Amino acid sequence: MRLTRPAIVTGAITIAVIHTWAYLSVFGYAFAIGDSGQQVPASLGILVNVLGAPLMFLLYLGPGVCGLWGRWWGDDSNLIIGLACLNGLLWGALLMWAALWLSRRHRHAA
């Protein structure tokens, strides 16, 4: 099966939307648990860190790391949502690239 350009773009955007929704849901749940004074389970923390890699780790560096771009977003939650969307797009592009690479490799092997 040959992956066409529209299929690749659609797949990347679909993965990005699902990834962004999943990250924001898990992050919101972990934040609510931590904000209530309870201990966040380790498995939930690991899931947040895996889904948040690599761009969400920029939040640990503070808002100044993004320069004027970071201040343009205004509120902290806007910056988190913006980085989550960009991170989702990165995951979508990388996963579709991997699918394309695997399909080409499989096609040449056959």
PDB file of N, CA and C in Angstrom:
ATOM      1  N   MET A   1       0.844  -1.183   0.000  1.00  0.00           N
ATOM      2  CA  MET A   1       0.000   0.000   0.000  1.00  0.00           C
ATOM      3  C   MET A   1       0.882   1.237   0.000  1.00  0.00           C
ATOM      4  N   ARG A   2       0.601   2.126  -0.903  1.00  0.00           N
ATOM      5  CA  ARG A   2       1.379   3.353  -1.022  1.00  0.00           C
ATOM      6  C   ARG A   2       0.667   4.481  -0.281  1.00  0.00           C
ATOM      7  N   LEU A   3       1.423   5.179   0.564  1.00  0.00           N
ATOM      8  CA  LEU A   3       0.857   6.303   1.297  1.00  0.00           C
ATOM      9  C   LEU A   3       0.935   7.560   0.432  1.00  0.00           C
ATOM     10  N   THR A   4      -0.204   8.174   0.185  1.00  0.00           N
ATOM     11  CA  THR A   4      -0.236   9.393  -0.606  1.00  0.00           C
ATOM     12  C   THR A   4      -0.024  10.607   0.294  1.00  0.00           C
ATOM     13  N   ARG A   5       0.296  11.720  -0.315  1.00  0.00           N
ATOM     14  CA  ARG A   5       0.539  12.938   0.457  1.00  0.00           C
ATOM     15  C   ARG A   5      -0.668  13.372   1.285  1.00  0.00           C
ATOM     16  N   PRO A   6      -1.899  13.369   0.718  1.00  0.00           N
ATOM     17  CA  PRO A   6      -3.056  13.721   1.557  1.00  0.00           C
ATOM     18  C   PRO A   6      -3.257  12.758   2.730  1.00  0.00           C
ATOM     19  N   ALA A   7      -2.966  11.472   2.518  1.00  0.00           N
ATOM     20  CA  ALA A   7      -3.105  10.499   3.609  1.00  0.00           C
ATOM     21  C   ALA A   7      -2.080  10.769   4.706  1.00  0.00           C
ATOM     22  N   ILE A   8      -0.872  11.154   4.311  1.00  0.00           N
ATOM     23  CA  ILE A   8       0.175  11.456   5.283  1.00  0.00           C
ATOM     24  C   ILE A   8      -0.197  12.686   6.098  1.00  0.00           C
ATOM     25  N   VAL A   9      -0.660  13.735   5.422  1.00  0.00           N
ATOM     26  CA  VAL A   9      -1.029  14.974   6.122  1.00  0.00           C
ATOM     27  C   VAL A   9      -2.238  14.737   7.025  1.00  0.00           C
ATOM     28  N   THR A  10      -3.235  14.021   6.515  1.00  0.00           N
ATOM     29  CA  THR A  10      -4.415  13.722   7.324  1.00  0.00           C
ATOM     30  C   THR A  10      -4.050  12.875   8.534  1.00  0.00           C
ATOM     31  N   GLY A  11      -3.191  11.903   8.336  1.00  0.00           N
ATOM     32  CA  GLY A  11      -2.752  11.061   9.446  1.00  0.00           C
ATOM     33  C   GLY A  11      -1.982  11.853  10.488  1.00  0.00           C
ATOM     34  N   ALA A  12      -1.100  12.741  10.032  1.00  0.00           N
ATOM     35  CA  ALA A  12      -0.321  13.550  10.968  1.00  0.00           C
ATOM     36  C   ALA A  12      -1.219  14.476  11.774  1.00  0.00           C
ATOM     37  N   ILE A  13      -2.192  15.090  11.131  1.00  0.00           N
ATOM     38  CA  ILE A  13      -3.106  15.994  11.842  1.00  0.00           C
ATOM     39  C   ILE A  13      -3.987  15.207  12.806  1.00  0.00           C
ATOM     40  N   THR A  14      -4.454  14.036  12.393  1.00  0.00           N
ATOM     41  CA  THR A  14      -5.272  13.202  13.274  1.00  0.00           C
ATOM     42  C   THR A  14      -4.487  12.778  14.507  1.00  0.00           C
ATOM     43  N   ILE A  15      -3.254  12.336  14.304  1.00  0.00           N
ATOM     44  CA  ILE A  15      -2.401  11.959  15.436  1.00  0.00           C
ATOM     45  C   ILE A  15      -2.160  13.167  16.333  1.00  0.00           C
ATOM     46  N   ALA A  16      -1.932  14.334  15.740  1.00  0.00           N
ATOM     47  CA  ALA A  16      -1.676  15.543  16.522  1.00  0.00           C
ATOM     48  C   ALA A  16      -2.872  15.913  17.394  1.00  0.00           C
ATOM     49  N   VAL A  17      -4.072  15.823  16.838  1.00  0.00           N
ATOM     50  CA  VAL A  17      -5.282  16.161  17.608  1.00  0.00           C
ATOM     51  C   VAL A  17      -5.481  15.173  18.748  1.00  0.00           C
ATOM     52  N   ILE A  18      -5.337  13.888  18.460  1.00  0.00           N
ATOM     53  CA  ILE A  18      -5.515  12.868  19.491  1.00  0.00           C
ATOM     54  C   ILE A  18      -4.450  13.003  20.568  1.00  0.00           C
ATOM     55  N   HIS A  19      -3.211  13.236  20.164  1.00  0.00           N
ATOM     56  CA  HIS A  19      -2.116  13.377  21.125  1.00  0.00           C
ATOM     57  C   HIS A  19      -2.316  14.607  22.008  1.00  0.00           C
ATOM     58  N   THR A  20      -2.697  15.725  21.406  1.00  0.00           N
ATOM     59  CA  THR A  20      -2.917  16.951  22.182  1.00  0.00           C
ATOM     60  C   THR A  20      -4.051  16.755  23.176  1.00  0.00           C
ATOM     61  N   TRP A  21      -5.154  16.151  22.745  1.00  0.00           N
ATOM     62  CA  TRP A  21      -6.269  15.886  23.643  1.00  0.00           C
ATOM     63  C   TRP A  21      -5.844  14.961  24.782  1.00  0.00           C
ATOM     64  N   ALA A  22      -5.104  13.893  24.445  1.00  0.00           N
ATOM     65  CA  ALA A  22      -4.673  12.943  25.474  1.00  0.00           C
ATOM     66  C   ALA A  22      -3.733  13.615  26.469  1.00  0.00           C
ATOM     67  N   TYR A  23      -2.779  14.406  25.968  1.00  0.00           N
ATOM     68  CA  TYR A  23      -1.836  15.062  26.879  1.00  0.00           C
ATOM     69  C   TYR A  23      -2.552  16.047  27.798  1.00  0.00           C
ATOM     70  N   LEU A  24      -3.414  16.879  27.236  1.00  0.00           N
ATOM     71  CA  LEU A  24      -4.095  17.875  28.062  1.00  0.00           C
ATOM     72  C   LEU A  24      -5.027  17.211  29.077  1.00  0.00           C
ATOM     73  N   SER A  25      -5.638  16.092  28.713  1.00  0.00           N
ATOM     74  CA  SER A  25      -6.497  15.372  29.653  1.00  0.00           C
ATOM     75  C   SER A  25      -5.687  14.784  30.804  1.00  0.00           C
ATOM     76  N   VAL A  26      -4.602  14.102  30.473  1.00  0.00           N
ATOM     77  CA  VAL A  26      -3.773  13.478  31.501  1.00  0.00           C
ATOM     78  C   VAL A  26      -3.088  14.541  32.356  1.00  0.00           C
ATOM     79  N   PHE A  27      -2.585  15.599  31.726  1.00  0.00           N
ATOM     80  CA  PHE A  27      -1.939  16.682  32.466  1.00  0.00           C
ATOM     81  C   PHE A  27      -2.936  17.366  33.400  1.00  0.00           C
ATOM     82  N   GLY A  28      -4.152  17.619  32.919  1.00  0.00           N
ATOM     83  CA  GLY A  28      -5.178  18.244  33.746  1.00  0.00           C
ATOM     84  C   GLY A  28      -5.552  17.381  34.937  1.00  0.00           C
ATOM     85  N   TYR A  29      -5.644  16.080  34.713  1.00  0.00           N
ATOM     86  CA  TYR A  29      -5.961  15.159  35.803  1.00  0.00           C
ATOM     87  C   TYR A  29      -4.846  15.139  36.841  1.00  0.00           C
ATOM     88  N   ALA A  30      -3.591  15.067  36.387  1.00  0.00           N
ATOM     89  CA  ALA A  30      -2.450  15.079  37.309  1.00  0.00           C
ATOM     90  C   ALA A  30      -2.369  16.406  38.051  1.00  0.00           C
ATOM     91  N   PHE A  31      -2.634  17.490  37.357  1.00  0.00           N
ATOM     92  CA  PHE A  31      -2.604  18.811  37.988  1.00  0.00           C
ATOM     93  C   PHE A  31      -3.681  18.921  39.064  1.00  0.00           C
ATOM     94  N   ALA A  32      -4.869  18.395  38.775  1.00  0.00           N
ATOM     95  CA  ALA A  32      -5.961  18.444  39.753  1.00  0.00           C
ATOM     96  C   ALA A  32      -5.631  17.617  40.993  1.00  0.00           C
ATOM     97  N   ILE A  33      -5.019  16.455  40.791  1.00  0.00           N
ATOM     98  CA  ILE A  33      -4.631  15.622  41.932  1.00  0.00           C
ATOM     99  C   ILE A  33      -3.579  16.349  42.769  1.00  0.00           C
ATOM    100  N   GLY A  34      -2.561  16.895  42.113  1.00  0.00           N
ATOM    101  CA  GLY A  34      -1.500  17.604  42.835  1.00  0.00           C
ATOM    102  C   GLY A  34      -2.000  18.870  43.497  1.00  0.00           C
ATOM    103  N   ASP A  35      -2.934  19.551  42.864  1.00  0.00           N
ATOM    104  CA  ASP A  35      -3.468  20.795  43.416  1.00  0.00           C
ATOM    105  C   ASP A  35      -4.333  20.539  44.653  1.00  0.00           C
ATOM    106  N   SER A  36      -4.907  19.346  44.738  1.00  0.00           N
ATOM    107  CA  SER A  36      -5.734  19.021  45.905  1.00  0.00           C
ATOM    108  C   SER A  36      -4.892  18.572  47.092  1.00  0.00           C
ATOM    109  N   GLY A  37      -3.589  18.506  46.922  1.00  0.00           N
ATOM    110  CA  GLY A  37      -2.695  18.155  48.020  1.00  0.00           C
ATOM    111  C   GLY A  37      -2.361  16.681  48.094  1.00  0.00           C
ATOM    112  N   GLN A  38      -2.885  15.897  47.176  1.00  0.00           N
ATOM    113  CA  GLN A  38      -2.585  14.466  47.167  1.00  0.00           C
ATOM    114  C   GLN A  38      -1.314  14.201  46.378  1.00  0.00           C
ATOM    115  N   GLN A  39      -0.752  13.029  46.578  1.00  0.00           N
ATOM    116  CA  GLN A  39       0.434  12.600  45.846  1.00  0.00           C
ATOM    117  C   GLN A  39       0.016  12.081  44.469  1.00  0.00           C
ATOM    118  N   VAL A  40       0.638  12.580  43.422  1.00  0.00           N
ATOM    119  CA  VAL A  40       0.350  12.114  42.064  1.00  0.00           C
ATOM    120  C   VAL A  40       0.986  10.735  41.899  1.00  0.00           C
ATOM    121  N   PRO A  41       0.223   9.731  41.455  1.00  0.00           N
ATOM    122  CA  PRO A  41       0.802   8.395  41.259  1.00  0.00           C
ATOM    123  C   PRO A  41       1.953   8.431  40.254  1.00  0.00           C
ATOM    124  N   ALA A  42       2.949   7.599  40.497  1.00  0.00           N
ATOM    125  CA  ALA A  42       4.135   7.578  39.635  1.00  0.00           C
ATOM    126  C   ALA A  42       3.773   7.224  38.195  1.00  0.00           C
ATOM    127  N   SER A  43       2.839   6.302  38.013  1.00  0.00           N
ATOM    128  CA  SER A  43       2.459   5.902  36.655  1.00  0.00           C
ATOM    129  C   SER A  43       1.839   7.074  35.892  1.00  0.00           C
ATOM    130  N   LEU A  44       1.065   7.895  36.593  1.00  0.00           N
ATOM    131  CA  LEU A  44       0.464   9.072  35.957  1.00  0.00           C
ATOM    132  C   LEU A  44       1.538  10.105  35.612  1.00  0.00           C
ATOM    133  N   GLY A  45       2.500  10.278  36.503  1.00  0.00           N
ATOM    134  CA  GLY A  45       3.601  11.202  36.234  1.00  0.00           C
ATOM    135  C   GLY A  45       4.440  10.766  35.042  1.00  0.00           C
ATOM    136  N   ILE A  46       4.677   9.462  34.942  1.00  0.00           N
ATOM    137  CA  ILE A  46       5.438   8.934  33.809  1.00  0.00           C
ATOM    138  C   ILE A  46       4.675   9.153  32.515  1.00  0.00           C
ATOM    139  N   LEU A  47       3.364   8.904  32.541  1.00  0.00           N
ATOM    140  CA  LEU A  47       2.540   9.100  31.349  1.00  0.00           C
ATOM    141  C   LEU A  47       2.542  10.562  30.909  1.00  0.00           C
ATOM    142  N   VAL A  48       2.448  11.488  31.862  1.00  0.00           N
ATOM    143  CA  VAL A  48       2.502  12.911  31.530  1.00  0.00           C
ATOM    144  C   VAL A  48       3.843  13.257  30.897  1.00  0.00           C
ATOM    145  N   ASN A  49       4.939  12.723  31.442  1.00  0.00           N
ATOM    146  CA  ASN A  49       6.259  13.034  30.908  1.00  0.00           C
ATOM    147  C   ASN A  49       6.489  12.417  29.531  1.00  0.00           C
ATOM    148  N   VAL A  50       5.993  11.206  29.314  1.00  0.00           N
ATOM    149  CA  VAL A  50       6.166  10.575  27.997  1.00  0.00           C
ATOM    150  C   VAL A  50       5.362  11.321  26.942  1.00  0.00           C
ATOM    151  N   LEU A  51       4.102  11.625  27.238  1.00  0.00           N
ATOM    152  CA  LEU A  51       3.276  12.347  26.269  1.00  0.00           C
ATOM    153  C   LEU A  51       3.764  13.782  26.078  1.00  0.00           C
ATOM    154  N   GLY A  52       4.400  14.348  27.089  1.00  0.00           N
ATOM    155  CA  GLY A  52       4.859  15.731  27.004  1.00  0.00           C
ATOM    156  C   GLY A  52       6.212  15.913  26.341  1.00  0.00           C
ATOM    157  N   ALA A  53       6.928  14.817  26.118  1.00  0.00           N
ATOM    158  CA  ALA A  53       8.249  14.935  25.509  1.00  0.00           C
ATOM    159  C   ALA A  53       8.102  15.329  24.043  1.00  0.00           C
ATOM    160  N   PRO A  54       8.955  16.119  23.500  1.00  0.00           N
ATOM    161  CA  PRO A  54      10.067  16.854  24.080  1.00  0.00           C
ATOM    162  C   PRO A  54       9.726  18.306  24.434  1.00  0.00           C
ATOM    163  N   LEU A  55       8.712  18.877  23.808  1.00  0.00           N
ATOM    164  CA  LEU A  55       8.498  20.323  23.932  1.00  0.00           C
ATOM    165  C   LEU A  55       7.986  20.768  25.295  1.00  0.00           C
ATOM    166  N   MET A  56       7.238  19.933  25.976  1.00  0.00           N
ATOM    167  CA  MET A  56       6.667  20.364  27.247  1.00  0.00           C
ATOM    168  C   MET A  56       7.725  20.531  28.331  1.00  0.00           C
ATOM    169  N   PHE A  57       8.903  19.971  28.116  1.00  0.00           N
ATOM    170  CA  PHE A  57       9.984  20.152  29.085  1.00  0.00           C
ATOM    171  C   PHE A  57      10.534  21.579  29.052  1.00  0.00           C
ATOM    172  N   LEU A  58      10.178  22.348  28.031  1.00  0.00           N
ATOM    173  CA  LEU A  58      10.557  23.768  28.002  1.00  0.00           C
ATOM    174  C   LEU A  58       9.905  24.537  29.148  1.00  0.00           C
ATOM    175  N   LEU A  59       8.790  24.039  29.666  1.00  0.00           N
ATOM    176  CA  LEU A  59       8.097  24.716  30.766  1.00  0.00           C
ATOM    177  C   LEU A  59       8.941  24.735  32.034  1.00  0.00           C
ATOM    178  N   TYR A  60       9.819  23.750  32.205  1.00  0.00           N
ATOM    179  CA  TYR A  60      10.680  23.722  33.389  1.00  0.00           C
ATOM    180  C   TYR A  60      11.707  24.845  33.369  1.00  0.00           C
ATOM    181  N   LEU A  61      11.998  25.376  32.204  1.00  0.00           N
ATOM    182  CA  LEU A  61      13.000  26.434  32.087  1.00  0.00           C
ATOM    183  C   LEU A  61      12.441  27.818  32.384  1.00  0.00           C
ATOM    184  N   GLY A  62      11.144  27.943  32.479  1.00  0.00           N
ATOM    185  CA  GLY A  62      10.528  29.229  32.786  1.00  0.00           C
ATOM    186  C   GLY A  62      10.078  29.951  31.530  1.00  0.00           C
ATOM    187  N   PRO A  63       9.242  30.997  31.698  1.00  0.00           N
ATOM    188  CA  PRO A  63       8.680  31.687  30.530  1.00  0.00           C
ATOM    189  C   PRO A  63       9.714  32.481  29.745  1.00  0.00           C
ATOM    190  N   GLY A  64      10.827  32.832  30.360  1.00  0.00           N
ATOM    191  CA  GLY A  64      11.840  33.628  29.657  1.00  0.00           C
ATOM    192  C   GLY A  64      12.560  32.873  28.560  1.00  0.00           C
ATOM    193  N   VAL A  65      12.505  31.534  28.587  1.00  0.00           N
ATOM    194  CA  VAL A  65      13.223  30.748  27.589  1.00  0.00           C
ATOM    195  C   VAL A  65      12.638  30.949  26.194  1.00  0.00           C
ATOM    196  N   CYS A  66      11.367  31.254  26.112  1.00  0.00           N
ATOM    197  CA  CYS A  66      10.720  31.463  24.819  1.00  0.00           C
ATOM    198  C   CYS A  66      10.849  32.906  24.343  1.00  0.00           C
ATOM    199  N   GLY A  67      11.458  33.764  25.145  1.00  0.00           N
ATOM    200  CA  GLY A  67      11.653  35.155  24.750  1.00  0.00           C
ATOM    201  C   GLY A  67      10.340  35.888  24.581  1.00  0.00           C
ATOM    202  N   LEU A  68      10.281  36.741  23.587  1.00  0.00           N
ATOM    203  CA  LEU A  68       9.056  37.494  23.332  1.00  0.00           C
ATOM    204  C   LEU A  68       7.906  36.587  22.930  1.00  0.00           C
ATOM    205  N   TRP A  69       8.237  35.471  22.271  1.00  0.00           N
ATOM    206  CA  TRP A  69       7.200  34.538  21.857  1.00  0.00           C
ATOM    207  C   TRP A  69       6.470  33.980  23.077  1.00  0.00           C
ATOM    208  N   GLY A  70       7.205  33.692  24.156  1.00  0.00           N
ATOM    209  CA  GLY A  70       6.589  33.164  25.366  1.00  0.00           C
ATOM    210  C   GLY A  70       5.701  34.181  26.049  1.00  0.00           C
ATOM    211  N   ARG A  71       6.084  35.434  26.004  1.00  0.00           N
ATOM    212  CA  ARG A  71       5.267  36.472  26.631  1.00  0.00           C
ATOM    213  C   ARG A  71       4.056  36.820  25.774  1.00  0.00           C
ATOM    214  N   TRP A  72       4.133  36.575  24.490  1.00  0.00           N
ATOM    215  CA  TRP A  72       3.025  36.892  23.593  1.00  0.00           C
ATOM    216  C   TRP A  72       1.790  36.066  23.926  1.00  0.00           C
ATOM    217  N   TRP A  73       1.979  34.838  24.422  1.00  0.00           N
ATOM    218  CA  TRP A  73       0.863  33.965  24.740  1.00  0.00           C
ATOM    219  C   TRP A  73       0.071  34.484  25.926  1.00  0.00           C
ATOM    220  N   GLY A  74       0.699  35.283  26.773  1.00  0.00           N
ATOM    221  CA  GLY A  74      -0.019  35.857  27.911  1.00  0.00           C
ATOM    222  C   GLY A  74      -0.091  34.913  29.083  1.00  0.00           C
ATOM    223  N   ASP A  75      -1.235  34.322  29.304  1.00  0.00           N
ATOM    224  CA  ASP A  75      -1.489  33.455  30.446  1.00  0.00           C
ATOM    225  C   ASP A  75      -0.682  32.157  30.351  1.00  0.00           C
ATOM    226  N   ASP A  76      -0.361  31.569  31.498  1.00  0.00           N
ATOM    227  CA  ASP A  76       0.378  30.306  31.519  1.00  0.00           C
ATOM    228  C   ASP A  76      -0.379  29.186  30.825  1.00  0.00           C
ATOM    229  N   SER A  77      -1.690  29.145  31.023  1.00  0.00           N
ATOM    230  CA  SER A  77      -2.462  28.069  30.405  1.00  0.00           C
ATOM    231  C   SER A  77      -2.449  28.179  28.883  1.00  0.00           C
ATOM    232  N   ASN A  78      -2.426  29.391  28.357  1.00  0.00           N
ATOM    233  CA  ASN A  78      -2.340  29.558  26.905  1.00  0.00           C
ATOM    234  C   ASN A  78      -1.009  29.025  26.378  1.00  0.00           C
ATOM    235  N   LEU A  79       0.060  29.273  27.115  1.00  0.00           N
ATOM    236  CA  LEU A  79       1.374  28.762  26.708  1.00  0.00           C
ATOM    237  C   LEU A  79       1.393  27.238  26.762  1.00  0.00           C
ATOM    238  N   ILE A  80       0.784  26.656  27.785  1.00  0.00           N
ATOM    239  CA  ILE A  80       0.738  25.197  27.898  1.00  0.00           C
ATOM    240  C   ILE A  80      -0.062  24.599  26.745  1.00  0.00           C
ATOM    241  N   ILE A  81      -1.209  25.183  26.430  1.00  0.00           N
ATOM    242  CA  ILE A  81      -2.024  24.672  25.329  1.00  0.00           C
ATOM    243  C   ILE A  81      -1.299  24.844  23.993  1.00  0.00           C
ATOM    244  N   GLY A  82      -0.638  25.986  23.800  1.00  0.00           N
ATOM    245  CA  GLY A  82       0.109  26.214  22.567  1.00  0.00           C
ATOM    246  C   GLY A  82       1.254  25.241  22.396  1.00  0.00           C
ATOM    247  N   LEU A  83       2.018  25.017  23.459  1.00  0.00           N
ATOM    248  CA  LEU A  83       3.112  24.050  23.378  1.00  0.00           C
ATOM    249  C   LEU A  83       2.590  22.631  23.189  1.00  0.00           C
ATOM    250  N   ALA A  84       1.452  22.316  23.816  1.00  0.00           N
ATOM    251  CA  ALA A  84       0.861  20.981  23.649  1.00  0.00           C
ATOM    252  C   ALA A  84       0.439  20.759  22.191  1.00  0.00           C
ATOM    253  N   CYS A  85      -0.111  21.784  21.562  1.00  0.00           N
ATOM    254  CA  CYS A  85      -0.494  21.662  20.144  1.00  0.00           C
ATOM    255  C   CYS A  85       0.730  21.482  19.258  1.00  0.00           C
ATOM    256  N   LEU A  86       1.764  22.267  19.498  1.00  0.00           N
ATOM    257  CA  LEU A  86       2.999  22.118  18.724  1.00  0.00           C
ATOM    258  C   LEU A  86       3.633  20.753  18.970  1.00  0.00           C
ATOM    259  N   ASN A  87       3.592  20.293  20.217  1.00  0.00           N
ATOM    260  CA  ASN A  87       4.137  18.981  20.547  1.00  0.00           C
ATOM    261  C   ASN A  87       3.340  17.877  19.852  1.00  0.00           C
ATOM    262  N   GLY A  88       2.017  18.029  19.801  1.00  0.00           N
ATOM    263  CA  GLY A  88       1.184  17.057  19.095  1.00  0.00           C
ATOM    264  C   GLY A  88       1.500  17.011  17.607  1.00  0.00           C
ATOM    265  N   LEU A  89       1.715  18.184  17.016  1.00  0.00           N
ATOM    266  CA  LEU A  89       2.095  18.219  15.600  1.00  0.00           C
ATOM    267  C   LEU A  89       3.441  17.544  15.365  1.00  0.00           C
ATOM    268  N   LEU A  90       4.361  17.739  16.287  1.00  0.00           N
ATOM    269  CA  LEU A  90       5.669  17.083  16.178  1.00  0.00           C
ATOM    270  C   LEU A  90       5.516  15.568  16.265  1.00  0.00           C
ATOM    271  N   TRP A  91       4.732  15.096  17.215  1.00  0.00           N
ATOM    272  CA  TRP A  91       4.486  13.657  17.339  1.00  0.00           C
ATOM    273  C   TRP A  91       3.791  13.117  16.089  1.00  0.00           C
ATOM    274  N   GLY A  92       2.804  13.848  15.580  1.00  0.00           N
ATOM    275  CA  GLY A  92       2.104  13.397  14.382  1.00  0.00           C
ATOM    276  C   GLY A  92       3.021  13.295  13.186  1.00  0.00           C
ATOM    277  N   ALA A  93       3.870  14.316  13.015  1.00  0.00           N
ATOM    278  CA  ALA A  93       4.806  14.300  11.885  1.00  0.00           C
ATOM    279  C   ALA A  93       5.815  13.161  12.025  1.00  0.00           C
ATOM    280  N   LEU A  94       6.327  12.952  13.226  1.00  0.00           N
ATOM    281  CA  LEU A  94       7.310  11.887  13.420  1.00  0.00           C
ATOM    282  C   LEU A  94       6.704  10.499  13.245  1.00  0.00           C
ATOM    283  N   LEU A  95       5.493  10.298  13.753  1.00  0.00           N
ATOM    284  CA  LEU A  95       4.868   8.988  13.596  1.00  0.00           C
ATOM    285  C   LEU A  95       4.492   8.706  12.143  1.00  0.00           C
ATOM    286  N   MET A  96       4.051   9.725  11.420  1.00  0.00           N
ATOM    287  CA  MET A  96       3.741   9.511  10.002  1.00  0.00           C
ATOM    288  C   MET A  96       5.012   9.306   9.184  1.00  0.00           C
ATOM    289  N   TRP A  97       6.087   9.996   9.563  1.00  0.00           N
ATOM    290  CA  TRP A  97       7.374   9.762   8.905  1.00  0.00           C
ATOM    291  C   TRP A  97       7.821   8.321   9.129  1.00  0.00           C
ATOM    292  N   ALA A  98       7.652   7.823  10.358  1.00  0.00           N
ATOM    293  CA  ALA A  98       8.020   6.437  10.655  1.00  0.00           C
ATOM    294  C   ALA A  98       7.156   5.459   9.850  1.00  0.00           C
ATOM    295  N   ALA A  99       5.872   5.752   9.729  1.00  0.00           N
ATOM    296  CA  ALA A  99       4.987   4.887   8.940  1.00  0.00           C
ATOM    297  C   ALA A  99       5.391   4.898   7.467  1.00  0.00           C
ATOM    298  N   LEU A 100       5.744   6.059   6.966  1.00  0.00           N
ATOM    299  CA  LEU A 100       6.190   6.160   5.575  1.00  0.00           C
ATOM    300  C   LEU A 100       7.490   5.404   5.369  1.00  0.00           C
ATOM    301  N   TRP A 101       8.415   5.547   6.310  1.00  0.00           N
ATOM    302  CA  TRP A 101       9.702   4.858   6.219  1.00  0.00           C
ATOM    303  C   TRP A 101       9.506   3.345   6.257  1.00  0.00           C
ATOM    304  N   LEU A 102       8.631   2.883   7.155  1.00  0.00           N
ATOM    305  CA  LEU A 102       8.376   1.450   7.244  1.00  0.00           C
ATOM    306  C   LEU A 102       7.686   0.908   5.994  1.00  0.00           C
ATOM    307  N   SER A 103       6.760   1.697   5.423  1.00  0.00           N
ATOM    308  CA  SER A 103       6.085   1.220   4.219  1.00  0.00           C
ATOM    309  C   SER A 103       7.049   1.149   3.034  1.00  0.00           C
ATOM    310  N   ARG A 104       7.951   2.122   2.942  1.00  0.00           N
ATOM    311  CA  ARG A 104       8.952   2.088   1.871  1.00  0.00           C
ATOM    312  C   ARG A 104       9.925   0.929   2.070  1.00  0.00           C
ATOM    313  N   ARG A 105      10.315   0.692   3.301  1.00  0.00           N
ATOM    314  CA  ARG A 105      11.240  -0.393   3.592  1.00  0.00           C
ATOM    315  C   ARG A 105      10.596  -1.738   3.283  1.00  0.00           C
ATOM    316  N   HIS A 106       9.307  -1.866   3.639  1.00  0.00           N
ATOM    317  CA  HIS A 106       8.591  -3.108   3.379  1.00  0.00           C
ATOM    318  C   HIS A 106       8.389  -3.324   1.881  1.00  0.00           C
ATOM    319  N   ARG A 107       8.140  -2.232   1.147  1.00  0.00           N
ATOM    320  CA  ARG A 107       7.926  -2.324  -0.295  1.00  0.00           C
ATOM    321  C   ARG A 107       9.202  -2.744  -1.004  1.00  0.00           C
ATOM    322  N   HIS A 108      10.356  -2.239  -0.562  1.00  0.00           N
ATOM    323  CA  HIS A 108      11.623  -2.600  -1.211  1.00  0.00           C
ATOM    324  C   HIS A 108      12.088  -3.996  -0.831  1.00  0.00           C
ATOM    325  N   ALA A 109      11.674  -4.480   0.331  1.00  0.00           N
ATOM    326  CA  ALA A 109      12.069  -5.804   0.762  1.00  0.00           C
ATOM    327  C   ALA A 109      11.298  -6.897   0.031  1.00  0.00           C
ATOM    328  N   ALA A 110      10.109  -6.561  -0.414  1.00  0.00           N
ATOM    329  CA  ALA A 110       9.261  -7.579  -1.063  1.00  0.00           C
ATOM    330  C   ALA A 110       9.615  -7.803  -2.506  1.00  0.00           C
TER     331      ALA A 110
END
